[in-house]
Amino acid sequence: MYNKIFENIKINKPILIKNFISKNKYKESIEELIKLSNLSNNKNNFLQGSKYIQSKNNSLINDILKELNINKNIKIYDEYRIWNHKKNNITQWHYDGNGIDVINICLFGKKKFILAEPNSQITFSFTNITILETHKKEYAYILEPGDLLLIPRFWFHKVISLKDNTITMNFCITNNYNNIPNNLKMLYNLHNYLHTSMSKQNIC
């Protein structure tokens, strides 16, 4: 299954893998992650209901990192984000950071991800936030417990929670900074120079 993820990262295409993890196998690990997520007090409205955590002793995290690390061309961020949302919570159209591929895994509940291809929407200047939806095609994916969705770099997405207590987790990964277009590289450098929040999820 990890080969499928790497292949789709390479061609910049999303992929949904049903039943990627066994909820029973990782029951204690998931409970530990949920406890950490319940401590979240993130005041950023766009990231509401989420918290960055680091848990080196968590078996679920360790197993996933061990498998992902078999590909030496992939960089995995040391921090990952746990999301806890109520039914009908909506995250509006955006793409993630500056050139990161994101693996989403559902632990509880149900979420709908709607994706649109890179460069298919118009964003606010110097941001990753959509100002105008100009895409002609959408790709919809439903995540349930144990499912994994890869959102490749620069793919726009909108997320809708379909159940209360929907809990998902993210792994942010990337390959080579030099592979991104020059205009987006310049955008990253600007955010890095100004020390904006976008530069915290850098691609170097």
C-alpha atoms as a PDB file:
ATOM      1  CA  MET A   1       0.000   0.000   0.000  1.00  0.00           C
ATOM      2  CA  TYR A   2       2.863   2.395   0.730  1.00  0.00           C
ATOM      3  CA  ASN A   3       4.136   1.848  -2.807  1.00  0.00           C
ATOM      4  CA  LYS A   4       0.799   3.179  -4.063  1.00  0.00           C
ATOM      5  CA  ILE A   5       1.226   6.288  -1.905  1.00  0.00           C
ATOM      6  CA  PHE A   6       4.735   6.931  -3.219  1.00  0.00           C
ATOM      7  CA  GLU A   7       3.641   6.371  -6.806  1.00  0.00           C
ATOM      8  CA  ASN A   8       0.837   8.911  -6.433  1.00  0.00           C
ATOM      9  CA  ILE A   9       3.144  11.435  -4.776  1.00  0.00           C
ATOM     10  CA  LYS A  10       5.424  11.110  -7.781  1.00  0.00           C
ATOM     11  CA  ILE A  11       2.650  11.756 -10.307  1.00  0.00           C
ATOM     12  CA  ASN A  12       0.889  14.328  -8.085  1.00  0.00           C
ATOM     13  CA  LYS A  13      -2.449  12.507  -7.911  1.00  0.00           C
ATOM     14  CA  PRO A  14      -4.689  11.853  -4.881  1.00  0.00           C
ATOM     15  CA  ILE A  15      -5.362   8.334  -3.671  1.00  0.00           C
ATOM     16  CA  LEU A  16      -7.884   6.879  -1.211  1.00  0.00           C
ATOM     17  CA  ILE A  17      -6.983   3.631   0.571  1.00  0.00           C
ATOM     18  CA  LYS A  18      -9.871   2.046   2.461  1.00  0.00           C
ATOM     19  CA  ASN A  19      -9.152   0.257   5.762  1.00  0.00           C
ATOM     20  CA  PHE A  20      -5.531   1.380   5.763  1.00  0.00           C
ATOM     21  CA  ILE A  21      -5.236   0.789   9.520  1.00  0.00           C
ATOM     22  CA  SER A  22      -7.023  -1.585  11.884  1.00  0.00           C
ATOM     23  CA  LYS A  23      -8.894   0.304  14.578  1.00  0.00           C
ATOM     24  CA  ASN A  24      -8.731  -2.732  16.889  1.00  0.00           C
ATOM     25  CA  LYS A  25      -4.977  -3.189  16.502  1.00  0.00           C
ATOM     26  CA  TYR A  26      -4.264   0.425  17.444  1.00  0.00           C
ATOM     27  CA  LYS A  27      -7.075   0.960  19.958  1.00  0.00           C
ATOM     28  CA  GLU A  28      -4.798   2.151  22.799  1.00  0.00           C
ATOM     29  CA  SER A  29      -2.674   4.297  20.471  1.00  0.00           C
ATOM     30  CA  ILE A  30      -5.755   5.994  19.052  1.00  0.00           C
ATOM     31  CA  GLU A  31      -7.117   6.674  22.551  1.00  0.00           C
ATOM     32  CA  GLU A  32      -3.774   8.247  23.489  1.00  0.00           C
ATOM     33  CA  LEU A  33      -3.854  10.504  20.415  1.00  0.00           C
ATOM     34  CA  ILE A  34      -7.433  11.554  21.132  1.00  0.00           C
ATOM     35  CA  LYS A  35      -6.519  12.563  24.685  1.00  0.00           C
ATOM     36  CA  LEU A  36      -3.781  14.779  23.309  1.00  0.00           C
ATOM     37  CA  SER A  37      -6.108  16.303  20.725  1.00  0.00           C
ATOM     38  CA  ASN A  38      -8.664  17.168  23.415  1.00  0.00           C
ATOM     39  CA  LEU A  39      -6.084  19.505  24.984  1.00  0.00           C
ATOM     40  CA  SER A  40      -6.110  21.693  21.888  1.00  0.00           C
ATOM     41  CA  ASN A  41      -6.643  25.418  22.370  1.00  0.00           C
ATOM     42  CA  ASN A  42      -5.628  26.552  18.917  1.00  0.00           C
ATOM     43  CA  LYS A  43      -6.989  30.073  18.377  1.00  0.00           C
ATOM     44  CA  ASN A  44      -6.359  30.128  14.639  1.00  0.00           C
ATOM     45  CA  ASN A  45      -9.894  29.908  13.184  1.00  0.00           C
ATOM     46  CA  PHE A  46      -8.676  28.247  10.003  1.00  0.00           C
ATOM     47  CA  LEU A  47      -7.017  25.513  12.059  1.00  0.00           C
ATOM     48  CA  GLN A  48      -9.747  25.340  14.694  1.00  0.00           C
ATOM     49  CA  GLY A  49     -10.167  21.984  16.383  1.00  0.00           C
ATOM     50  CA  SER A  50      -6.605  20.890  15.732  1.00  0.00           C
ATOM     51  CA  LYS A  51      -3.301  20.587  17.534  1.00  0.00           C
ATOM     52  CA  TYR A  52       0.225  19.713  16.540  1.00  0.00           C
ATOM     53  CA  ILE A  53       1.514  16.815  18.612  1.00  0.00           C
ATOM     54  CA  GLN A  54       4.691  14.767  18.832  1.00  0.00           C
ATOM     55  CA  SER A  55       4.438  11.291  20.302  1.00  0.00           C
ATOM     56  CA  LYS A  56       7.555   9.217  19.737  1.00  0.00           C
ATOM     57  CA  ASN A  57       6.203   6.365  21.870  1.00  0.00           C
ATOM     58  CA  ASN A  58       2.892   5.947  20.055  1.00  0.00           C
ATOM     59  CA  SER A  59       2.759   2.579  18.254  1.00  0.00           C
ATOM     60  CA  LEU A  60       0.437   3.781  15.470  1.00  0.00           C
ATOM     61  CA  ILE A  61       2.683   6.771  14.719  1.00  0.00           C
ATOM     62  CA  ASN A  62       5.840   4.679  14.902  1.00  0.00           C
ATOM     63  CA  ASP A  63       4.496   1.995  12.565  1.00  0.00           C
ATOM     64  CA  ILE A  64       3.416   4.526   9.948  1.00  0.00           C
ATOM     65  CA  LEU A  65       6.682   6.482  10.157  1.00  0.00           C
ATOM     66  CA  LYS A  66       8.700   3.276   9.897  1.00  0.00           C
ATOM     67  CA  GLU A  67       6.911   2.301   6.683  1.00  0.00           C
ATOM     68  CA  LEU A  68       7.069   5.779   5.156  1.00  0.00           C
ATOM     69  CA  ASN A  69      10.772   6.093   5.931  1.00  0.00           C
ATOM     70  CA  ILE A  70      11.591   3.226   3.575  1.00  0.00           C
ATOM     71  CA  ASN A  71      11.545   5.821   0.800  1.00  0.00           C
ATOM     72  CA  LYS A  72      14.651   7.959   1.261  1.00  0.00           C
ATOM     73  CA  ASN A  73      13.407  10.618  -1.173  1.00  0.00           C
ATOM     74  CA  ILE A  74      10.522  11.495   1.126  1.00  0.00           C
ATOM     75  CA  LYS A  75      10.858  13.936   4.026  1.00  0.00           C
ATOM     76  CA  ILE A  76       8.386  13.479   6.883  1.00  0.00           C
ATOM     77  CA  TYR A  77       7.755  16.362   9.243  1.00  0.00           C
ATOM     78  CA  ASP A  78       8.420  15.706  12.929  1.00  0.00           C
ATOM     79  CA  GLU A  79       5.070  17.237  13.873  1.00  0.00           C
ATOM     80  CA  TYR A  80       1.646  16.010  12.836  1.00  0.00           C
ATOM     81  CA  ARG A  81      -1.810  17.389  13.393  1.00  0.00           C
ATOM     82  CA  ILE A  82      -4.829  15.800  15.050  1.00  0.00           C
ATOM     83  CA  TRP A  83      -8.222  17.224  14.091  1.00  0.00           C
ATOM     84  CA  ASN A  84     -11.434  16.912  16.143  1.00  0.00           C
ATOM     85  CA  HIS A  85     -14.553  18.367  14.525  1.00  0.00           C
ATOM     86  CA  LYS A  86     -18.296  18.371  15.051  1.00  0.00           C
ATOM     87  CA  LYS A  87     -20.806  17.461  12.363  1.00  0.00           C
ATOM     88  CA  ASN A  88     -21.161  20.043   9.568  1.00  0.00           C
ATOM     89  CA  ASN A  89     -17.828  21.724  10.314  1.00  0.00           C
ATOM     90  CA  ILE A  90     -16.474  23.051   7.018  1.00  0.00           C
ATOM     91  CA  THR A  91     -12.911  23.899   6.083  1.00  0.00           C
ATOM     92  CA  GLN A  92     -13.092  26.164   3.055  1.00  0.00           C
ATOM     93  CA  TRP A  93     -11.127  25.779  -0.172  1.00  0.00           C
ATOM     94  CA  HIS A  94      -7.335  26.020   0.162  1.00  0.00           C
ATOM     95  CA  TYR A  95      -4.180  24.083  -0.539  1.00  0.00           C
ATOM     96  CA  ASP A  96      -1.751  23.028   2.178  1.00  0.00           C
ATOM     97  CA  GLY A  97       1.278  25.173   2.866  1.00  0.00           C
ATOM     98  CA  ASN A  98       3.884  25.614   0.197  1.00  0.00           C
ATOM     99  CA  GLY A  99       4.481  22.375  -1.607  1.00  0.00           C
ATOM    100  CA  ILE A 100       3.594  19.723   0.947  1.00  0.00           C
ATOM    101  CA  ASP A 101       1.880  16.409   0.324  1.00  0.00           C
ATOM    102  CA  VAL A 102      -0.526  15.496   3.129  1.00  0.00           C
ATOM    103  CA  ILE A 103      -1.614  12.052   4.286  1.00  0.00           C
ATOM    104  CA  ASN A 104      -4.956  12.110   6.120  1.00  0.00           C
ATOM    105  CA  ILE A 105      -6.065   9.151   8.255  1.00  0.00           C
ATOM    106  CA  CYS A 106      -9.521   8.917   9.816  1.00  0.00           C
ATOM    107  CA  LEU A 107      -9.639   7.601  13.396  1.00  0.00           C
ATOM    108  CA  PHE A 108     -13.314   8.232  14.255  1.00  0.00           C
ATOM    109  CA  GLY A 109     -16.378   9.651  12.536  1.00  0.00           C
ATOM    110  CA  LYS A 110     -16.683  10.550   8.871  1.00  0.00           C
ATOM    111  CA  LYS A 111     -15.368  13.304   6.616  1.00  0.00           C
ATOM    112  CA  LYS A 112     -15.895  14.329   3.027  1.00  0.00           C
ATOM    113  CA  PHE A 113     -12.925  15.742   1.123  1.00  0.00           C
ATOM    114  CA  ILE A 114     -13.603  17.591  -2.126  1.00  0.00           C
ATOM    115  CA  LEU A 115     -10.485  18.139  -4.245  1.00  0.00           C
ATOM    116  CA  ALA A 116      -9.668  20.268  -7.265  1.00  0.00           C
ATOM    117  CA  GLU A 117      -6.494  20.177  -9.338  1.00  0.00           C
ATOM    118  CA  PRO A 118      -3.559  22.584  -8.835  1.00  0.00           C
ATOM    119  CA  ASN A 119      -3.898  25.994 -10.483  1.00  0.00           C
ATOM    120  CA  SER A 120      -7.651  25.454 -10.922  1.00  0.00           C
ATOM    121  CA  GLN A 121      -8.661  28.211  -8.492  1.00  0.00           C
ATOM    122  CA  ILE A 122      -7.705  31.817  -7.856  1.00  0.00           C
ATOM    123  CA  THR A 123      -6.213  32.590  -4.433  1.00  0.00           C
ATOM    124  CA  PHE A 124      -5.781  35.741  -2.394  1.00  0.00           C
ATOM    125  CA  SER A 125      -2.382  37.278  -3.130  1.00  0.00           C
ATOM    126  CA  PHE A 126       0.487  35.602  -1.279  1.00  0.00           C
ATOM    127  CA  THR A 127      -1.813  33.052   0.348  1.00  0.00           C
ATOM    128  CA  ASN A 128      -3.045  29.501  -0.175  1.00  0.00           C
ATOM    129  CA  ILE A 129      -6.702  30.546   0.366  1.00  0.00           C
ATOM    130  CA  THR A 130      -9.188  30.473  -2.514  1.00  0.00           C
ATOM    131  CA  ILE A 131     -10.827  33.731  -3.523  1.00  0.00           C
ATOM    132  CA  LEU A 132     -12.593  32.378  -6.625  1.00  0.00           C
ATOM    133  CA  GLU A 133     -13.602  28.819  -7.479  1.00  0.00           C
ATOM    134  CA  THR A 134     -12.782  28.404 -11.148  1.00  0.00           C
ATOM    135  CA  HIS A 135     -12.199  24.657 -11.267  1.00  0.00           C
ATOM    136  CA  LYS A 136     -14.151  22.620 -13.811  1.00  0.00           C
ATOM    137  CA  LYS A 137     -13.856  19.217 -12.133  1.00  0.00           C
ATOM    138  CA  GLU A 138     -14.117  18.000  -8.531  1.00  0.00           C
ATOM    139  CA  TYR A 139     -12.979  14.756  -6.914  1.00  0.00           C
ATOM    140  CA  ALA A 140     -14.934  13.665  -3.804  1.00  0.00           C
ATOM    141  CA  TYR A 141     -13.656  11.197  -1.209  1.00  0.00           C
ATOM    142  CA  ILE A 142     -15.365   9.940   1.963  1.00  0.00           C
ATOM    143  CA  LEU A 143     -13.076   9.023   4.865  1.00  0.00           C
ATOM    144  CA  GLU A 144     -14.267   6.601   7.541  1.00  0.00           C
ATOM    145  CA  PRO A 145     -12.305   5.045  10.439  1.00  0.00           C
ATOM    146  CA  GLY A 146      -9.122   3.393   9.172  1.00  0.00           C
ATOM    147  CA  ASP A 147      -9.205   5.077   5.732  1.00  0.00           C
ATOM    148  CA  LEU A 148      -6.280   7.041   4.292  1.00  0.00           C
ATOM    149  CA  LEU A 149      -6.354   9.884   1.763  1.00  0.00           C
ATOM    150  CA  LEU A 150      -3.298  11.409   0.115  1.00  0.00           C
ATOM    151  CA  ILE A 151      -3.748  15.048  -0.905  1.00  0.00           C
ATOM    152  CA  PRO A 152      -0.807  15.877  -3.177  1.00  0.00           C
ATOM    153  CA  ARG A 153       0.984  19.206  -3.183  1.00  0.00           C
ATOM    154  CA  PHE A 154      -0.975  22.235  -4.406  1.00  0.00           C
ATOM    155  CA  TRP A 155      -4.280  20.343  -4.760  1.00  0.00           C
ATOM    156  CA  PHE A 156      -7.130  22.523  -3.538  1.00  0.00           C
ATOM    157  CA  HIS A 157      -9.525  20.939  -1.084  1.00  0.00           C
ATOM    158  CA  LYS A 158     -12.634  21.639   0.945  1.00  0.00           C
ATOM    159  CA  VAL A 159     -13.463  19.426   3.929  1.00  0.00           C
ATOM    160  CA  ILE A 160     -16.859  18.696   5.522  1.00  0.00           C
ATOM    161  CA  SER A 161     -17.338  16.702   8.742  1.00  0.00           C
ATOM    162  CA  LEU A 162     -20.292  14.346   8.362  1.00  0.00           C
ATOM    163  CA  LYS A 163     -20.479  13.135  12.000  1.00  0.00           C
ATOM    164  CA  ASP A 164     -19.883  14.528  15.468  1.00  0.00           C
ATOM    165  CA  ASN A 165     -16.571  13.662  17.097  1.00  0.00           C
ATOM    166  CA  THR A 166     -14.854  13.177  13.757  1.00  0.00           C
ATOM    167  CA  ILE A 167     -11.154  12.734  14.451  1.00  0.00           C
ATOM    168  CA  THR A 168      -8.494  12.620  11.767  1.00  0.00           C
ATOM    169  CA  MET A 169      -4.724  12.938  11.738  1.00  0.00           C
ATOM    170  CA  ASN A 170      -2.244  14.363   9.232  1.00  0.00           C
ATOM    171  CA  PHE A 171       1.259  13.477   8.181  1.00  0.00           C
ATOM    172  CA  CYS A 172       2.913  16.251   6.170  1.00  0.00           C
ATOM    173  CA  ILE A 173       5.513  15.002   3.732  1.00  0.00           C
ATOM    174  CA  THR A 174       7.347  16.284   0.702  1.00  0.00           C
ATOM    175  CA  ASN A 175      10.043  15.299  -1.716  1.00  0.00           C
ATOM    176  CA  ASN A 176      12.372  17.845  -3.274  1.00  0.00           C
ATOM    177  CA  TYR A 177      12.042  21.631  -2.954  1.00  0.00           C
ATOM    178  CA  ASN A 178      13.723  22.026  -6.336  1.00  0.00           C
ATOM    179  CA  ASN A 179      10.872  20.190  -8.055  1.00  0.00           C
ATOM    180  CA  ILE A 180       8.316  22.956  -7.530  1.00  0.00           C
ATOM    181  CA  PRO A 181       7.642  25.752 -10.059  1.00  0.00           C
ATOM    182  CA  ASN A 182       9.729  28.916  -9.747  1.00  0.00           C
ATOM    183  CA  ASN A 183       6.751  31.173  -8.991  1.00  0.00           C
ATOM    184  CA  LEU A 184       5.733  28.980  -6.042  1.00  0.00           C
ATOM    185  CA  LYS A 185       9.338  28.767  -4.878  1.00  0.00           C
ATOM    186  CA  MET A 186       9.380  32.574  -4.816  1.00  0.00           C
ATOM    187  CA  LEU A 187       6.141  32.579  -2.827  1.00  0.00           C
ATOM    188  CA  TYR A 188       7.687  30.263  -0.261  1.00  0.00           C
ATOM    189  CA  ASN A 189      10.824  32.414  -0.011  1.00  0.00           C
ATOM    190  CA  LEU A 190       8.707  35.515   0.583  1.00  0.00           C
ATOM    191  CA  HIS A 191       6.792  33.861   3.417  1.00  0.00           C
ATOM    192  CA  ASN A 192      10.016  32.546   4.857  1.00  0.00           C
ATOM    193  CA  TYR A 193      11.566  36.024   4.772  1.00  0.00           C
ATOM    194  CA  LEU A 194       8.525  37.590   6.455  1.00  0.00           C
ATOM    195  CA  HIS A 195       8.274  34.734   8.996  1.00  0.00           C
ATOM    196  CA  THR A 196       4.609  34.147   8.230  1.00  0.00           C
ATOM    197  CA  SER A 197       2.644  31.139   9.466  1.00  0.00           C
ATOM    198  CA  MET A 198       2.840  29.555   6.013  1.00  0.00           C
ATOM    199  CA  SER A 199       6.620  29.309   6.273  1.00  0.00           C
ATOM    200  CA  LYS A 200       6.330  27.115   9.377  1.00  0.00           C
ATOM    201  CA  GLN A 201       5.305  24.256   7.092  1.00  0.00           C
ATOM    202  CA  ASN A 202       8.269  24.814   4.841  1.00  0.00           C
ATOM    203  CA  ILE A 203       9.389  22.596   2.047  1.00  0.00           C
ATOM    204  CA  CYS A 204      13.150  22.575   2.596  1.00  0.00           C
END
